[in-house]
Amino acid sequence: KSAPAEPRQLTSYEHVLKGIWHFKKLTPQANTVAAEHFAKAAAEFPENADAYRGLANCENNRWFFDFDRDG
């Protein structure tokens, strides 16, 4: 038997794509997951402007749709 393959780390671009996919669901939970992916994308490749645009959009959703009801 062969050993299972090591999970590979997602690239910055792949995190942006996952972030967009979650963001488009327009739910508070999906918005949180999207922001996490955008933050990981920015950490992986700080020059990725799409990651910062995604973070800004998620922050806008928190404010506009009152997703952050606790604070």
Protein backbone atom coordinates (compact mmCIF):
# COMPACT_ATOMS: atom_id res chain seq x y z
CA LYS A 1 0.00 0.00 0.00
CA SER A 2 1.15 3.49 -0.71
CA ALA A 3 0.99 6.27 1.83
CA PRO A 4 -1.75 8.85 1.32
CA ALA A 5 -0.62 11.95 -0.48
CA GLU A 6 0.18 14.96 1.63
CA PRO A 7 -2.49 17.64 1.32
CA ARG A 8 -1.06 20.49 -0.68
CA GLN A 9 -1.39 24.06 0.41
CA LEU A 10 -3.74 26.24 -1.62
CA THR A 11 -2.21 29.05 -3.62
CA SER A 12 -3.18 32.66 -3.11
CA TYR A 13 -5.21 32.54 -6.33
CA GLU A 14 -7.05 29.39 -5.21
CA HIS A 15 -7.93 31.05 -1.90
CA VAL A 16 -9.34 34.03 -3.82
CA LEU A 17 -11.46 31.69 -5.96
CA LYS A 18 -12.79 29.90 -2.86
CA GLY A 19 -13.43 33.25 -1.21
CA ILE A 20 -15.46 34.46 -4.19
CA TRP A 21 -17.45 31.22 -4.23
CA HIS A 22 -18.39 31.62 -0.56
CA PHE A 23 -18.93 35.38 -0.84
CA LYS A 24 -21.59 34.94 -3.53
CA LYS A 25 -23.76 32.89 -1.16
CA LEU A 26 -24.61 36.15 0.67
CA THR A 27 -25.05 34.62 4.11
CA PRO A 28 -23.31 35.71 7.32
CA GLN A 29 -21.60 32.33 7.69
CA ALA A 30 -20.40 32.25 4.08
CA ASN A 31 -19.18 35.84 4.39
CA THR A 32 -17.01 34.82 7.35
CA VAL A 33 -15.54 31.86 5.45
CA ALA A 34 -14.94 34.07 2.40
CA ALA A 35 -13.07 36.63 4.52
CA GLU A 36 -10.88 33.84 5.92
CA HIS A 37 -9.97 32.72 2.41
CA PHE A 38 -9.24 36.28 1.29
CA ALA A 39 -7.04 36.83 4.35
CA LYS A 40 -5.11 33.62 3.62
CA ALA A 41 -4.70 34.73 0.01
CA ALA A 42 -3.25 38.07 1.14
CA ALA A 43 -0.92 36.34 3.61
CA GLU A 44 0.28 33.91 0.95
CA PHE A 45 0.91 36.63 -1.66
CA PRO A 46 0.74 40.20 -0.26
CA GLU A 47 0.71 41.71 -3.77
CA ASN A 48 -2.61 40.00 -4.60
CA ALA A 49 -4.99 42.95 -5.00
CA ASP A 50 -7.97 40.62 -5.49
CA ALA A 51 -7.46 39.31 -1.95
CA TYR A 52 -7.73 42.82 -0.51
CA ARG A 53 -10.72 43.66 -2.69
CA GLY A 54 -12.42 40.51 -1.37
CA LEU A 55 -11.66 41.46 2.23
CA ALA A 56 -13.09 44.92 1.62
CA ASN A 57 -16.23 43.44 0.08
CA CYS A 58 -16.68 41.12 3.06
CA GLU A 59 -16.27 44.04 5.45
CA ASN A 60 -18.84 45.98 3.43
CA ASN A 61 -21.27 43.06 3.71
CA ARG A 62 -20.82 42.97 7.47
CA TRP A 63 -21.81 46.61 7.64
CA PHE A 64 -24.38 46.81 4.84
CA PHE A 65 -26.31 43.67 5.68
CA ASP A 66 -25.73 43.98 9.42
CA PHE A 67 -23.98 40.60 9.49
CA ASP A 68 -22.05 41.56 12.61
CA ARG A 69 -25.05 41.92 14.91
CA ASP A 70 -23.02 41.51 18.12
CA GLY A 71 -20.74 44.43 17.68
